[in-house]
Amino acid sequence: MSEAIVQLNNVYLKSDRATEVFRDLSLTIQPGESVLVVGSAGSGKTLLTHLLLGLRFPESGAVELFGELVKKRRQGRLRKLRRKIGGVGGPFQLLPTLTAGDNITLPLVVAGEPRRVIRDRLRKVLTEFSLLRQASAFPHQLTRVEQTLVLFARASIANQPLLIVDEPLAGLDLKTADRIYKWMTRVAVSGRSMLILSSDTLGIELPNCRQYRLENGVLV
C-alpha cells in the first residue's frame, strides 16, 4: 500500500478552555481516497483541520502528513507540507488585499511556477468556474457565491495532493451546489485525496469516499 496522505494515531486534544475535544481519534486517508466527516457545530471539525495544518498540536498521539510527523518545532517543514494542501472554508479564506485572480494563483506563486504556467492555468480555472469577469475584483466586491467559487478555483489550480473542504455546499443555490458536487466528483476520481467536513451528509454519493461521524471526540 502507498504511503498514507493523512495518518492520525490515537490523538487526544483539548480546547483552549481545557475541554476535551478529541480522545483516541484515529484516521487514515490514502492517496486518491476521499473521506467525509460529519459533525455538529462544536464537534471539532475545524480543530481537525488545524491539526492537519500544524496550527494546533495534540496533547498526545501523532499526526502525520505525507509520511512526516507534524511537530511544533519543525516550522520550516510545516510550511513545505502546507504547500501540498489546498482548501475551501475554515482557515482557507481569501486575502482581502488581493484580487480574485491573484487569490486563485497564490499557490502557484508560492510554488515558484513560471509566469506562463500561472497565466495559462488561471485562464483555465476562470473559465471552468465562470469567473472571467470577476478576475480583477477584490473579495469585498464579489457576491458570497462568487467568493466561494474563487475558493474552489484556488483549490483546483495547483493540483495539490490533499484538499480539505469545509462545508462545501453551505449557502449555495441549487445550481451552484450541483456544480460544486460535480467538481468534487471529478476530484474524487482524479488521484487527489480529499477531506470533506460537513454538518450533514450532504445527500450526495462520491466515488472512493468513506464516511464518518464525529461524536464525543471520536470518529464512528
N, C-alpha and C. Protein backbone atom coordinates (compact mmCIF):
# COMPACT_ATOMS: atom_id res chain seq x y z
N MET A 1 0.85 -1.20 0.00
CA MET A 1 0.00 0.00 0.00
C MET A 1 0.88 1.24 0.00
N SER A 2 0.46 2.28 -0.70
CA SER A 2 1.22 3.52 -0.77
C SER A 2 1.22 4.22 0.58
N GLU A 3 2.17 5.13 0.74
CA GLU A 3 2.28 5.91 1.95
C GLU A 3 1.02 6.75 2.14
N ALA A 4 0.47 6.74 3.36
CA ALA A 4 -0.77 7.47 3.63
C ALA A 4 -0.57 8.97 3.47
N ILE A 5 -1.60 9.65 2.96
CA ILE A 5 -1.58 11.10 2.87
C ILE A 5 -1.79 11.71 4.26
N VAL A 6 -2.75 11.15 4.99
CA VAL A 6 -3.06 11.59 6.36
C VAL A 6 -3.05 10.38 7.27
N GLN A 7 -2.41 10.53 8.43
CA GLN A 7 -2.42 9.46 9.42
C GLN A 7 -2.53 10.10 10.80
N LEU A 8 -3.68 9.91 11.44
CA LEU A 8 -3.87 10.35 12.82
C LEU A 8 -3.91 9.11 13.70
N ASN A 9 -3.07 9.08 14.70
CA ASN A 9 -2.98 7.91 15.57
C ASN A 9 -3.27 8.29 17.02
N ASN A 10 -4.42 7.83 17.53
CA ASN A 10 -4.75 7.95 18.96
C ASN A 10 -4.57 9.39 19.47
N VAL A 11 -5.13 10.33 18.74
CA VAL A 11 -4.95 11.75 19.06
C VAL A 11 -5.87 12.17 20.21
N TYR A 12 -5.27 12.84 21.18
CA TYR A 12 -6.01 13.44 22.29
C TYR A 12 -5.77 14.94 22.26
N LEU A 13 -6.85 15.72 22.26
CA LEU A 13 -6.72 17.18 22.15
C LEU A 13 -7.74 17.86 23.04
N LYS A 14 -7.27 18.92 23.71
CA LYS A 14 -8.15 19.77 24.49
C LYS A 14 -8.33 21.11 23.79
N SER A 15 -9.46 21.76 24.06
CA SER A 15 -9.70 23.09 23.51
C SER A 15 -8.94 24.12 24.35
N ASP A 16 -9.03 25.38 23.94
CA ASP A 16 -8.37 26.45 24.70
C ASP A 16 -8.95 26.58 26.10
N ARG A 17 -10.17 26.08 26.28
CA ARG A 17 -10.81 26.13 27.60
C ARG A 17 -10.60 24.84 28.39
N ALA A 18 -9.64 24.03 27.93
CA ALA A 18 -9.27 22.77 28.60
C ALA A 18 -10.38 21.73 28.53
N THR A 19 -11.32 21.90 27.61
CA THR A 19 -12.37 20.91 27.41
C THR A 19 -11.88 19.85 26.43
N GLU A 20 -12.19 18.59 26.71
CA GLU A 20 -11.78 17.51 25.83
C GLU A 20 -12.48 17.62 24.48
N VAL A 21 -11.69 17.64 23.39
CA VAL A 21 -12.24 17.71 22.04
C VAL A 21 -12.11 16.36 21.35
N PHE A 22 -10.90 15.82 21.32
CA PHE A 22 -10.66 14.52 20.71
C PHE A 22 -10.09 13.58 21.77
N ARG A 23 -10.54 12.33 21.72
CA ARG A 23 -9.97 11.32 22.61
C ARG A 23 -9.76 10.05 21.79
N ASP A 24 -8.53 9.66 21.68
CA ASP A 24 -8.19 8.44 20.94
C ASP A 24 -8.70 8.50 19.50
N LEU A 25 -8.53 9.65 18.85
CA LEU A 25 -9.00 9.86 17.48
C LEU A 25 -7.99 9.32 16.49
N SER A 26 -8.43 8.45 15.60
CA SER A 26 -7.55 7.88 14.58
C SER A 26 -8.22 7.99 13.21
N LEU A 27 -7.42 8.29 12.20
CA LEU A 27 -7.95 8.42 10.84
C LEU A 27 -6.81 8.23 9.84
N THR A 28 -7.08 7.49 8.79
CA THR A 28 -6.12 7.31 7.70
C THR A 28 -6.79 7.68 6.38
N ILE A 29 -6.10 8.49 5.59
CA ILE A 29 -6.55 8.80 4.23
C ILE A 29 -5.44 8.42 3.27
N GLN A 30 -5.75 7.50 2.39
CA GLN A 30 -4.78 7.01 1.42
C GLN A 30 -4.78 7.89 0.17
N PRO A 31 -3.73 7.81 -0.65
CA PRO A 31 -3.71 8.56 -1.91
C PRO A 31 -4.93 8.22 -2.77
N GLY A 32 -5.58 9.24 -3.30
CA GLY A 32 -6.73 9.04 -4.16
C GLY A 32 -8.02 8.74 -3.44
N GLU A 33 -8.01 8.81 -2.12
CA GLU A 33 -9.19 8.47 -1.32
C GLU A 33 -9.83 9.74 -0.76
N SER A 34 -11.15 9.73 -0.67
CA SER A 34 -11.88 10.84 -0.06
C SER A 34 -12.55 10.36 1.23
N VAL A 35 -12.65 11.27 2.18
CA VAL A 35 -13.31 10.98 3.46
C VAL A 35 -14.25 12.13 3.79
N LEU A 36 -15.49 11.79 4.12
CA LEU A 36 -16.47 12.77 4.59
C LEU A 36 -16.63 12.61 6.09
N VAL A 37 -16.39 13.69 6.83
CA VAL A 37 -16.57 13.69 8.28
C VAL A 37 -17.75 14.60 8.61
N VAL A 38 -18.78 14.01 9.20
CA VAL A 38 -20.00 14.75 9.55
C VAL A 38 -19.99 15.00 11.05
N GLY A 39 -20.26 16.23 11.43
CA GLY A 39 -20.30 16.56 12.85
C GLY A 39 -21.07 17.83 13.10
N SER A 40 -21.68 17.92 14.26
CA SER A 40 -22.45 19.12 14.61
C SER A 40 -21.50 20.27 14.94
N ALA A 41 -22.05 21.47 15.05
CA ALA A 41 -21.25 22.62 15.44
C ALA A 41 -20.62 22.36 16.81
N GLY A 42 -19.33 22.64 16.92
CA GLY A 42 -18.63 22.42 18.17
C GLY A 42 -18.09 21.02 18.36
N SER A 43 -18.26 20.16 17.36
CA SER A 43 -17.78 18.78 17.48
C SER A 43 -16.28 18.65 17.27
N GLY A 44 -15.66 19.68 16.67
CA GLY A 44 -14.21 19.63 16.48
C GLY A 44 -13.76 19.57 15.04
N LYS A 45 -14.68 19.79 14.10
CA LYS A 45 -14.30 19.70 12.68
C LYS A 45 -13.21 20.71 12.32
N THR A 46 -13.37 21.94 12.80
CA THR A 46 -12.37 22.97 12.50
C THR A 46 -11.03 22.64 13.15
N LEU A 47 -11.07 22.13 14.36
CA LEU A 47 -9.82 21.76 15.04
C LEU A 47 -9.12 20.61 14.33
N LEU A 48 -9.89 19.75 13.69
CA LEU A 48 -9.29 18.68 12.89
C LEU A 48 -8.46 19.28 11.76
N THR A 49 -8.99 20.29 11.10
CA THR A 49 -8.22 20.99 10.07
C THR A 49 -6.98 21.63 10.65
N HIS A 50 -7.12 22.26 11.81
CA HIS A 50 -5.97 22.91 12.44
C HIS A 50 -4.87 21.92 12.77
N LEU A 51 -5.25 20.72 13.19
CA LEU A 51 -4.24 19.69 13.45
C LEU A 51 -3.47 19.34 12.19
N LEU A 52 -4.19 19.19 11.08
CA LEU A 52 -3.54 18.79 9.83
C LEU A 52 -2.65 19.89 9.27
N LEU A 53 -2.98 21.13 9.57
CA LEU A 53 -2.17 22.25 9.07
C LEU A 53 -1.05 22.63 10.03
N GLY A 54 -0.98 21.96 11.16
CA GLY A 54 0.05 22.31 12.13
C GLY A 54 -0.22 23.63 12.83
N LEU A 55 -1.50 24.00 12.92
CA LEU A 55 -1.90 25.21 13.65
C LEU A 55 -2.22 24.88 15.11
N ARG A 56 -2.50 23.61 15.37
CA ARG A 56 -2.68 23.09 16.72
C ARG A 56 -1.93 21.77 16.81
N PHE A 57 -1.57 21.40 18.04
CA PHE A 57 -0.83 20.16 18.24
C PHE A 57 -1.47 19.37 19.37
N PRO A 58 -1.56 18.05 19.24
CA PRO A 58 -2.27 17.25 20.24
C PRO A 58 -1.51 17.12 21.55
N GLU A 59 -2.27 16.89 22.63
CA GLU A 59 -1.64 16.61 23.93
C GLU A 59 -0.92 15.26 23.88
N SER A 60 -1.51 14.32 23.15
CA SER A 60 -0.87 13.02 22.96
C SER A 60 -1.34 12.44 21.63
N GLY A 61 -0.66 11.39 21.18
CA GLY A 61 -0.94 10.83 19.87
C GLY A 61 -0.08 11.48 18.81
N ALA A 62 -0.28 11.08 17.56
CA ALA A 62 0.58 11.56 16.48
C ALA A 62 -0.24 11.96 15.26
N VAL A 63 0.23 13.01 14.59
CA VAL A 63 -0.35 13.48 13.34
C VAL A 63 0.73 13.40 12.27
N GLU A 64 0.47 12.66 11.20
CA GLU A 64 1.42 12.55 10.10
C GLU A 64 0.78 13.00 8.80
N LEU A 65 1.55 13.73 8.01
CA LEU A 65 1.14 14.15 6.67
C LEU A 65 2.19 13.71 5.68
N PHE A 66 1.77 13.00 4.66
CA PHE A 66 2.70 12.55 3.61
C PHE A 66 3.90 11.82 4.22
N GLY A 67 3.64 11.06 5.29
CA GLY A 67 4.68 10.27 5.91
C GLY A 67 5.57 11.02 6.88
N GLU A 68 5.30 12.31 7.10
CA GLU A 68 6.11 13.12 8.02
C GLU A 68 5.32 13.48 9.26
N LEU A 69 5.98 13.40 10.41
CA LEU A 69 5.35 13.74 11.67
C LEU A 69 5.19 15.26 11.78
N VAL A 70 3.98 15.70 12.08
CA VAL A 70 3.71 17.13 12.26
C VAL A 70 4.12 17.51 13.68
N LYS A 71 5.18 18.33 13.77
CA LYS A 71 5.72 18.71 15.08
C LYS A 71 5.88 20.22 15.17
N LYS A 72 5.68 20.74 16.36
CA LYS A 72 5.69 22.19 16.58
C LYS A 72 7.05 22.80 16.28
N ARG A 73 8.11 22.08 16.52
CA ARG A 73 9.45 22.64 16.36
C ARG A 73 9.97 22.55 14.93
N ARG A 74 9.14 22.10 14.02
CA ARG A 74 9.58 21.93 12.63
C ARG A 74 8.79 22.87 11.72
N GLN A 75 8.84 24.16 12.02
CA GLN A 75 8.03 25.13 11.27
C GLN A 75 8.43 25.20 9.80
N GLY A 76 9.71 25.06 9.51
CA GLY A 76 10.15 25.06 8.11
C GLY A 76 9.54 23.92 7.32
N ARG A 77 9.54 22.73 7.91
CA ARG A 77 8.93 21.57 7.25
C ARG A 77 7.42 21.73 7.17
N LEU A 78 6.81 22.32 8.18
CA LEU A 78 5.37 22.51 8.16
C LEU A 78 4.95 23.41 7.00
N ARG A 79 5.73 24.47 6.76
CA ARG A 79 5.40 25.36 5.64
C ARG A 79 5.44 24.60 4.32
N LYS A 80 6.41 23.71 4.17
CA LYS A 80 6.51 22.93 2.94
C LYS A 80 5.36 21.93 2.82
N LEU A 81 4.97 21.34 3.94
CA LEU A 81 3.84 20.41 3.92
C LEU A 81 2.53 21.13 3.57
N ARG A 82 2.37 22.34 4.10
CA ARG A 82 1.14 23.09 3.82
C ARG A 82 0.99 23.42 2.34
N ARG A 83 2.09 23.53 1.64
CA ARG A 83 2.01 23.83 0.21
C ARG A 83 1.38 22.68 -0.57
N LYS A 84 1.35 21.50 0.03
CA LYS A 84 0.74 20.34 -0.62
C LYS A 84 -0.75 20.23 -0.34
N ILE A 85 -1.28 21.19 0.42
CA ILE A 85 -2.67 21.13 0.85
C ILE A 85 -3.43 22.33 0.30
N GLY A 86 -4.53 22.05 -0.39
CA GLY A 86 -5.45 23.10 -0.81
C GLY A 86 -6.71 23.01 0.01
N GLY A 87 -7.48 24.09 0.03
CA GLY A 87 -8.68 24.02 0.85
C GLY A 87 -9.70 25.08 0.55
N VAL A 88 -10.89 24.83 1.06
CA VAL A 88 -12.02 25.74 0.93
C VAL A 88 -12.70 25.83 2.29
N GLY A 89 -12.95 27.05 2.78
CA GLY A 89 -13.64 27.22 4.04
C GLY A 89 -12.70 27.06 5.23
N GLY A 90 -13.25 27.24 6.43
CA GLY A 90 -12.42 27.14 7.63
C GLY A 90 -11.28 28.14 7.56
N PRO A 91 -10.04 27.69 7.78
CA PRO A 91 -8.89 28.61 7.73
C PRO A 91 -8.49 29.02 6.32
N PHE A 92 -9.07 28.39 5.32
CA PHE A 92 -8.74 28.71 3.93
C PHE A 92 -9.65 29.84 3.44
N GLN A 93 -9.22 31.06 3.63
CA GLN A 93 -10.03 32.21 3.27
C GLN A 93 -9.32 33.05 2.20
N LEU A 94 -10.06 33.94 1.57
CA LEU A 94 -9.48 34.84 0.58
C LEU A 94 -8.73 35.97 1.27
N LEU A 95 -7.64 36.41 0.66
CA LEU A 95 -6.90 37.55 1.18
C LEU A 95 -7.56 38.82 0.65
N PRO A 96 -8.01 39.70 1.53
CA PRO A 96 -8.80 40.86 1.10
C PRO A 96 -8.03 41.86 0.25
N THR A 97 -6.70 41.86 0.33
CA THR A 97 -5.90 42.84 -0.42
C THR A 97 -5.50 42.34 -1.80
N LEU A 98 -5.88 41.12 -2.15
CA LEU A 98 -5.57 40.55 -3.46
C LEU A 98 -6.84 40.44 -4.29
N THR A 99 -6.69 40.60 -5.60
CA THR A 99 -7.83 40.39 -6.50
C THR A 99 -8.21 38.92 -6.52
N ALA A 100 -9.35 38.63 -7.11
CA ALA A 100 -9.77 37.24 -7.24
C ALA A 100 -8.73 36.43 -7.99
N GLY A 101 -8.22 36.99 -9.09
CA GLY A 101 -7.21 36.28 -9.87
C GLY A 101 -5.95 36.02 -9.09
N ASP A 102 -5.49 37.00 -8.31
CA ASP A 102 -4.27 36.83 -7.52
C ASP A 102 -4.49 35.86 -6.37
N ASN A 103 -5.69 35.85 -5.79
CA ASN A 103 -6.00 34.86 -4.76
C ASN A 103 -5.94 33.45 -5.34
N ILE A 104 -6.48 33.29 -6.54
CA ILE A 104 -6.52 31.97 -7.16
C ILE A 104 -5.12 31.46 -7.47
N THR A 105 -4.25 32.33 -7.95
CA THR A 105 -2.92 31.89 -8.38
C THR A 105 -1.91 31.81 -7.23
N LEU A 106 -2.31 32.20 -6.04
CA LEU A 106 -1.36 32.24 -4.92
C LEU A 106 -0.60 30.93 -4.70
N PRO A 107 -1.26 29.75 -4.75
CA PRO A 107 -0.49 28.51 -4.56
C PRO A 107 0.59 28.31 -5.61
N LEU A 108 0.34 28.75 -6.84
CA LEU A 108 1.34 28.61 -7.90
C LEU A 108 2.48 29.58 -7.70
N VAL A 109 2.18 30.79 -7.24
CA VAL A 109 3.22 31.78 -6.97
C VAL A 109 4.13 31.29 -5.85
N VAL A 110 3.53 30.77 -4.78
CA VAL A 110 4.31 30.25 -3.65
C VAL A 110 5.18 29.08 -4.09
N ALA A 111 4.67 28.27 -5.01
CA ALA A 111 5.42 27.11 -5.51
C ALA A 111 6.51 27.51 -6.51
N GLY A 112 6.52 28.78 -6.93
CA GLY A 112 7.55 29.24 -7.85
C GLY A 112 7.34 28.83 -9.29
N GLU A 113 6.08 28.63 -9.68
CA GLU A 113 5.79 28.24 -11.07
C GLU A 113 6.08 29.41 -12.02
N PRO A 114 6.49 29.11 -13.26
CA PRO A 114 6.74 30.17 -14.25
C PRO A 114 5.48 30.98 -14.54
N ARG A 115 5.67 32.24 -14.93
CA ARG A 115 4.53 33.12 -15.20
C ARG A 115 3.62 32.56 -16.29
N ARG A 116 4.21 31.95 -17.29
CA ARG A 116 3.41 31.40 -18.39
C ARG A 116 2.47 30.31 -17.87
N VAL A 117 3.01 29.43 -17.03
CA VAL A 117 2.19 28.36 -16.45
C VAL A 117 1.07 28.96 -15.60
N ILE A 118 1.41 29.96 -14.80
CA ILE A 118 0.41 30.61 -13.95
C ILE A 118 -0.69 31.24 -14.79
N ARG A 119 -0.30 31.93 -15.84
CA ARG A 119 -1.28 32.60 -16.71
C ARG A 119 -2.21 31.60 -17.39
N ASP A 120 -1.62 30.51 -17.90
CA ASP A 120 -2.42 29.51 -18.61
C ASP A 120 -3.39 28.80 -17.67
N ARG A 121 -2.90 28.43 -16.49
CA ARG A 121 -3.78 27.73 -15.54
C ARG A 121 -4.88 28.65 -15.02
N LEU A 122 -4.54 29.92 -14.82
CA LEU A 122 -5.55 30.86 -14.34
C LEU A 122 -6.67 30.98 -15.36
N ARG A 123 -6.33 31.13 -16.61
CA ARG A 123 -7.35 31.26 -17.64
C ARG A 123 -8.26 30.02 -17.64
N LYS A 124 -7.65 28.86 -17.45
CA LYS A 124 -8.42 27.62 -17.47
C LYS A 124 -9.43 27.56 -16.33
N VAL A 125 -8.99 27.86 -15.10
CA VAL A 125 -9.91 27.75 -13.97
C VAL A 125 -10.92 28.89 -13.95
N LEU A 126 -10.54 30.07 -14.42
CA LEU A 126 -11.51 31.16 -14.52
C LEU A 126 -12.65 30.78 -15.45
N THR A 127 -12.29 30.11 -16.54
CA THR A 127 -13.31 29.65 -17.48
C THR A 127 -14.16 28.55 -16.86
N GLU A 128 -13.50 27.61 -16.19
CA GLU A 128 -14.22 26.48 -15.58
C GLU A 128 -15.26 26.94 -14.57
N PHE A 129 -14.91 27.97 -13.78
CA PHE A 129 -15.82 28.43 -12.73
C PHE A 129 -16.58 29.71 -13.10
N SER A 130 -16.54 30.07 -14.39
CA SER A 130 -17.28 31.24 -14.89
C SER A 130 -16.91 32.51 -14.12
N LEU A 131 -15.61 32.75 -13.97
CA LEU A 131 -15.13 33.88 -13.19
C LEU A 131 -14.29 34.87 -14.01
N LEU A 132 -14.35 34.77 -15.32
CA LEU A 132 -13.51 35.64 -16.15
C LEU A 132 -13.77 37.12 -15.86
N ARG A 133 -15.00 37.50 -15.67
CA ARG A 133 -15.33 38.91 -15.42
C ARG A 133 -14.97 39.36 -14.01
N GLN A 134 -14.79 38.39 -13.11
CA GLN A 134 -14.51 38.74 -11.72
C GLN A 134 -13.02 38.71 -11.39
N ALA A 135 -12.16 38.39 -12.33
CA ALA A 135 -10.74 38.17 -12.04
C ALA A 135 -10.06 39.38 -11.41
N SER A 136 -10.47 40.58 -11.80
CA SER A 136 -9.82 41.79 -11.30
C SER A 136 -10.52 42.39 -10.08
N ALA A 137 -11.58 41.76 -9.65
CA ALA A 137 -12.34 42.28 -8.50
C ALA A 137 -11.70 41.82 -7.19
N PHE A 138 -11.87 42.63 -6.16
CA PHE A 138 -11.41 42.26 -4.83
C PHE A 138 -12.53 41.51 -4.10
N PRO A 139 -12.18 40.71 -3.09
CA PRO A 139 -13.20 39.89 -2.43
C PRO A 139 -14.44 40.65 -1.98
N HIS A 140 -14.27 41.86 -1.45
CA HIS A 140 -15.43 42.60 -0.95
C HIS A 140 -16.36 43.05 -2.08
N GLN A 141 -15.88 42.98 -3.32
CA GLN A 141 -16.70 43.36 -4.46
C GLN A 141 -17.46 42.18 -5.06
N LEU A 142 -17.23 41.00 -4.51
CA LEU A 142 -17.85 39.78 -5.02
C LEU A 142 -19.05 39.38 -4.17
N THR A 143 -19.99 38.69 -4.79
CA THR A 143 -21.08 38.11 -4.01
C THR A 143 -20.54 36.93 -3.21
N ARG A 144 -21.33 36.46 -2.26
CA ARG A 144 -20.90 35.31 -1.45
C ARG A 144 -20.66 34.08 -2.32
N VAL A 145 -21.53 33.86 -3.28
CA VAL A 145 -21.36 32.71 -4.18
C VAL A 145 -20.09 32.87 -5.00
N GLU A 146 -19.83 34.07 -5.51
CA GLU A 146 -18.61 34.30 -6.28
C GLU A 146 -17.36 34.08 -5.43
N GLN A 147 -17.40 34.51 -4.18
CA GLN A 147 -16.27 34.28 -3.27
C GLN A 147 -16.02 32.78 -3.10
N THR A 148 -17.10 32.03 -2.95
CA THR A 148 -16.97 30.58 -2.81
C THR A 148 -16.37 29.95 -4.06
N LEU A 149 -16.81 30.39 -5.22
CA LEU A 149 -16.27 29.87 -6.47
C LEU A 149 -14.79 30.20 -6.61
N VAL A 150 -14.38 31.37 -6.16
CA VAL A 150 -12.96 31.73 -6.19
C VAL A 150 -12.16 30.78 -5.30
N LEU A 151 -12.70 30.45 -4.14
CA LEU A 151 -12.02 29.50 -3.25
C LEU A 151 -11.86 28.13 -3.92
N PHE A 152 -12.90 27.67 -4.58
CA PHE A 152 -12.81 26.38 -5.26
C PHE A 152 -11.85 26.45 -6.45
N ALA A 153 -11.82 27.58 -7.14
CA ALA A 153 -10.87 27.75 -8.24
C ALA A 153 -9.44 27.69 -7.72
N ARG A 154 -9.19 28.33 -6.57
CA ARG A 154 -7.85 28.29 -5.98
C ARG A 154 -7.49 26.87 -5.55
N ALA A 155 -8.47 26.12 -5.05
CA ALA A 155 -8.22 24.74 -4.65
C ALA A 155 -7.94 23.85 -5.85
N SER A 156 -8.37 24.28 -7.02
CA SER A 156 -8.21 23.48 -8.24
C SER A 156 -6.89 23.71 -8.94
N ILE A 157 -6.36 24.92 -8.86
CA ILE A 157 -5.34 25.37 -9.80
C ILE A 157 -4.00 24.67 -9.65
N ALA A 158 -3.63 24.26 -8.45
CA ALA A 158 -2.28 23.75 -8.23
C ALA A 158 -2.20 22.23 -8.16
N ASN A 159 -3.35 21.56 -8.24
CA ASN A 159 -3.37 20.09 -8.18
C ASN A 159 -2.65 19.54 -6.95
N GLN A 160 -2.84 20.19 -5.81
CA GLN A 160 -2.22 19.70 -4.58
C GLN A 160 -2.78 18.32 -4.22
N PRO A 161 -1.96 17.44 -3.66
CA PRO A 161 -2.41 16.06 -3.42
C PRO A 161 -3.47 15.90 -2.34
N LEU A 162 -3.65 16.93 -1.48
CA LEU A 162 -4.68 16.85 -0.44
C LEU A 162 -5.53 18.12 -0.47
N LEU A 163 -6.83 17.94 -0.47
CA LEU A 163 -7.77 19.05 -0.37
C LEU A 163 -8.60 18.88 0.89
N ILE A 164 -8.80 19.98 1.62
CA ILE A 164 -9.68 20.00 2.78
C ILE A 164 -10.82 20.96 2.47
N VAL A 165 -12.03 20.43 2.43
CA VAL A 165 -13.19 21.23 2.03
C VAL A 165 -14.17 21.28 3.21
N ASP A 166 -14.36 22.48 3.75
CA ASP A 166 -15.19 22.67 4.94
C ASP A 166 -16.55 23.24 4.52
N GLU A 167 -17.62 22.50 4.78
CA GLU A 167 -18.99 22.89 4.44
C GLU A 167 -19.09 23.32 2.97
N PRO A 168 -18.85 22.41 2.04
CA PRO A 168 -18.74 22.79 0.63
C PRO A 168 -20.00 23.37 0.00
N LEU A 169 -21.18 22.99 0.50
CA LEU A 169 -22.42 23.43 -0.14
C LEU A 169 -23.18 24.48 0.66
N ALA A 170 -22.58 24.95 1.75
CA ALA A 170 -23.27 25.90 2.62
C ALA A 170 -23.53 27.22 1.91
N GLY A 171 -24.78 27.67 1.95
CA GLY A 171 -25.14 28.96 1.41
C GLY A 171 -25.21 29.04 -0.10
N LEU A 172 -25.14 27.91 -0.78
CA LEU A 172 -25.15 27.92 -2.24
C LEU A 172 -26.55 27.64 -2.79
N ASP A 173 -26.87 28.27 -3.90
CA ASP A 173 -28.12 27.95 -4.58
C ASP A 173 -28.00 26.57 -5.22
N LEU A 174 -29.11 26.01 -5.63
CA LEU A 174 -29.12 24.63 -6.14
C LEU A 174 -28.22 24.46 -7.36
N LYS A 175 -28.22 25.43 -8.25
CA LYS A 175 -27.40 25.33 -9.46
C LYS A 175 -25.92 25.31 -9.12
N THR A 176 -25.50 26.21 -8.23
CA THR A 176 -24.08 26.26 -7.84
C THR A 176 -23.70 25.04 -7.03
N ALA A 177 -24.60 24.59 -6.14
CA ALA A 177 -24.33 23.39 -5.34
C ALA A 177 -24.12 22.18 -6.24
N ASP A 178 -24.93 22.06 -7.28
CA ASP A 178 -24.77 20.95 -8.23
C ASP A 178 -23.43 21.05 -8.95
N ARG A 179 -23.03 22.26 -9.26
CA ARG A 179 -21.74 22.47 -9.92
C ARG A 179 -20.58 22.03 -9.02
N ILE A 180 -20.66 22.38 -7.73
CA ILE A 180 -19.61 22.00 -6.79
C ILE A 180 -19.62 20.50 -6.55
N TYR A 181 -20.80 19.90 -6.49
CA TYR A 181 -20.87 18.44 -6.34
C TYR A 181 -20.17 17.75 -7.51
N LYS A 182 -20.40 18.23 -8.72
CA LYS A 182 -19.74 17.64 -9.89
C LYS A 182 -18.23 17.84 -9.82
N TRP A 183 -17.81 19.00 -9.31
CA TRP A 183 -16.37 19.25 -9.13
C TRP A 183 -15.77 18.25 -8.13
N MET A 184 -16.45 18.05 -7.00
CA MET A 184 -15.95 17.10 -6.00
C MET A 184 -15.91 15.68 -6.57
N THR A 185 -16.87 15.34 -7.40
CA THR A 185 -16.87 14.02 -8.03
C THR A 185 -15.64 13.85 -8.92
N ARG A 186 -15.30 14.89 -9.67
CA ARG A 186 -14.10 14.82 -10.52
C ARG A 186 -12.84 14.69 -9.67
N VAL A 187 -12.78 15.44 -8.58
CA VAL A 187 -11.62 15.36 -7.69
C VAL A 187 -11.50 13.95 -7.11
N ALA A 188 -12.63 13.37 -6.74
CA ALA A 188 -12.64 12.05 -6.09
C ALA A 188 -12.07 10.95 -6.98
N VAL A 189 -12.08 11.14 -8.28
CA VAL A 189 -11.54 10.12 -9.20
C VAL A 189 -10.26 10.61 -9.89
N SER A 190 -9.70 11.71 -9.39
CA SER A 190 -8.53 12.32 -10.05
C SER A 190 -7.20 11.81 -9.53
N GLY A 191 -7.24 11.07 -8.41
CA GLY A 191 -6.00 10.65 -7.78
C GLY A 191 -5.61 11.53 -6.61
N ARG A 192 -6.29 12.67 -6.45
CA ARG A 192 -6.05 13.52 -5.29
C ARG A 192 -6.87 12.99 -4.11
N SER A 193 -6.41 13.31 -2.91
CA SER A 193 -7.16 12.93 -1.70
C SER A 193 -7.97 14.13 -1.23
N MET A 194 -9.10 13.84 -0.60
CA MET A 194 -9.98 14.93 -0.18
C MET A 194 -10.61 14.61 1.17
N LEU A 195 -10.55 15.58 2.08
CA LEU A 195 -11.24 15.50 3.36
C LEU A 195 -12.36 16.53 3.34
N ILE A 196 -13.59 16.05 3.45
CA ILE A 196 -14.76 16.92 3.42
C ILE A 196 -15.35 16.97 4.82
N LEU A 197 -15.57 18.18 5.32
CA LEU A 197 -16.14 18.38 6.65
C LEU A 197 -17.50 19.03 6.49
N SER A 198 -18.50 18.46 7.14
CA SER A 198 -19.86 18.97 6.95
C SER A 198 -20.71 18.73 8.18
N SER A 199 -21.71 19.59 8.35
CA SER A 199 -22.65 19.41 9.46
C SER A 199 -23.74 18.40 9.12
N ASP A 200 -23.81 17.98 7.86
CA ASP A 200 -24.75 16.93 7.47
C ASP A 200 -24.13 16.06 6.38
N THR A 201 -24.85 15.05 5.95
CA THR A 201 -24.30 14.10 4.98
C THR A 201 -24.31 14.62 3.56
N LEU A 202 -24.84 15.83 3.34
CA LEU A 202 -24.88 16.49 2.04
C LEU A 202 -25.86 15.85 1.07
N GLY A 203 -26.32 14.64 1.37
CA GLY A 203 -27.26 13.96 0.49
C GLY A 203 -26.66 13.59 -0.85
N ILE A 204 -25.35 13.34 -0.86
CA ILE A 204 -24.67 13.02 -2.12
C ILE A 204 -23.83 11.76 -1.95
N GLU A 205 -23.49 11.16 -3.05
CA GLU A 205 -22.61 9.99 -3.07
C GLU A 205 -21.38 10.33 -3.91
N LEU A 206 -20.21 10.16 -3.32
CA LEU A 206 -18.97 10.40 -4.05
C LEU A 206 -18.21 9.09 -4.20
N PRO A 207 -17.56 8.87 -5.33
CA PRO A 207 -16.76 7.67 -5.51
C PRO A 207 -15.53 7.69 -4.60
N ASN A 208 -15.06 6.51 -4.23
CA ASN A 208 -13.84 6.37 -3.41
C ASN A 208 -13.93 7.16 -2.11
N CYS A 209 -15.13 7.23 -1.53
CA CYS A 209 -15.33 8.09 -0.36
C CYS A 209 -15.88 7.29 0.82
N ARG A 210 -15.18 7.38 1.95
CA ARG A 210 -15.67 6.80 3.21
C ARG A 210 -16.33 7.90 4.03
N GLN A 211 -17.25 7.51 4.88
CA GLN A 211 -17.99 8.50 5.67
C GLN A 211 -17.91 8.15 7.15
N TYR A 212 -17.66 9.18 7.98
CA TYR A 212 -17.61 9.03 9.43
C TYR A 212 -18.46 10.11 10.07
N ARG A 213 -18.84 9.85 11.32
CA ARG A 213 -19.48 10.88 12.13
C ARG A 213 -18.56 11.18 13.31
N LEU A 214 -18.35 12.46 13.57
CA LEU A 214 -17.51 12.89 14.68
C LEU A 214 -18.41 13.12 15.89
N GLU A 215 -18.30 12.22 16.87
CA GLU A 215 -19.14 12.28 18.06
C GLU A 215 -18.31 12.01 19.30
N ASN A 216 -18.48 12.86 20.30
CA ASN A 216 -17.82 12.65 21.60
C ASN A 216 -16.32 12.43 21.46
N GLY A 217 -15.72 13.14 20.50
CA GLY A 217 -14.27 13.12 20.38
C GLY A 217 -13.69 11.97 19.59
N VAL A 218 -14.55 11.14 18.98
CA VAL A 218 -14.04 10.02 18.19
C VAL A 218 -14.81 9.95 16.87
N LEU A 219 -14.23 9.27 15.90
CA LEU A 219 -14.89 9.04 14.62
C LEU A 219 -15.58 7.69 14.64
N VAL A 220 -16.85 7.68 14.28
CA VAL A 220 -17.62 6.42 14.29
C VAL A 220 -18.28 6.23 12.94
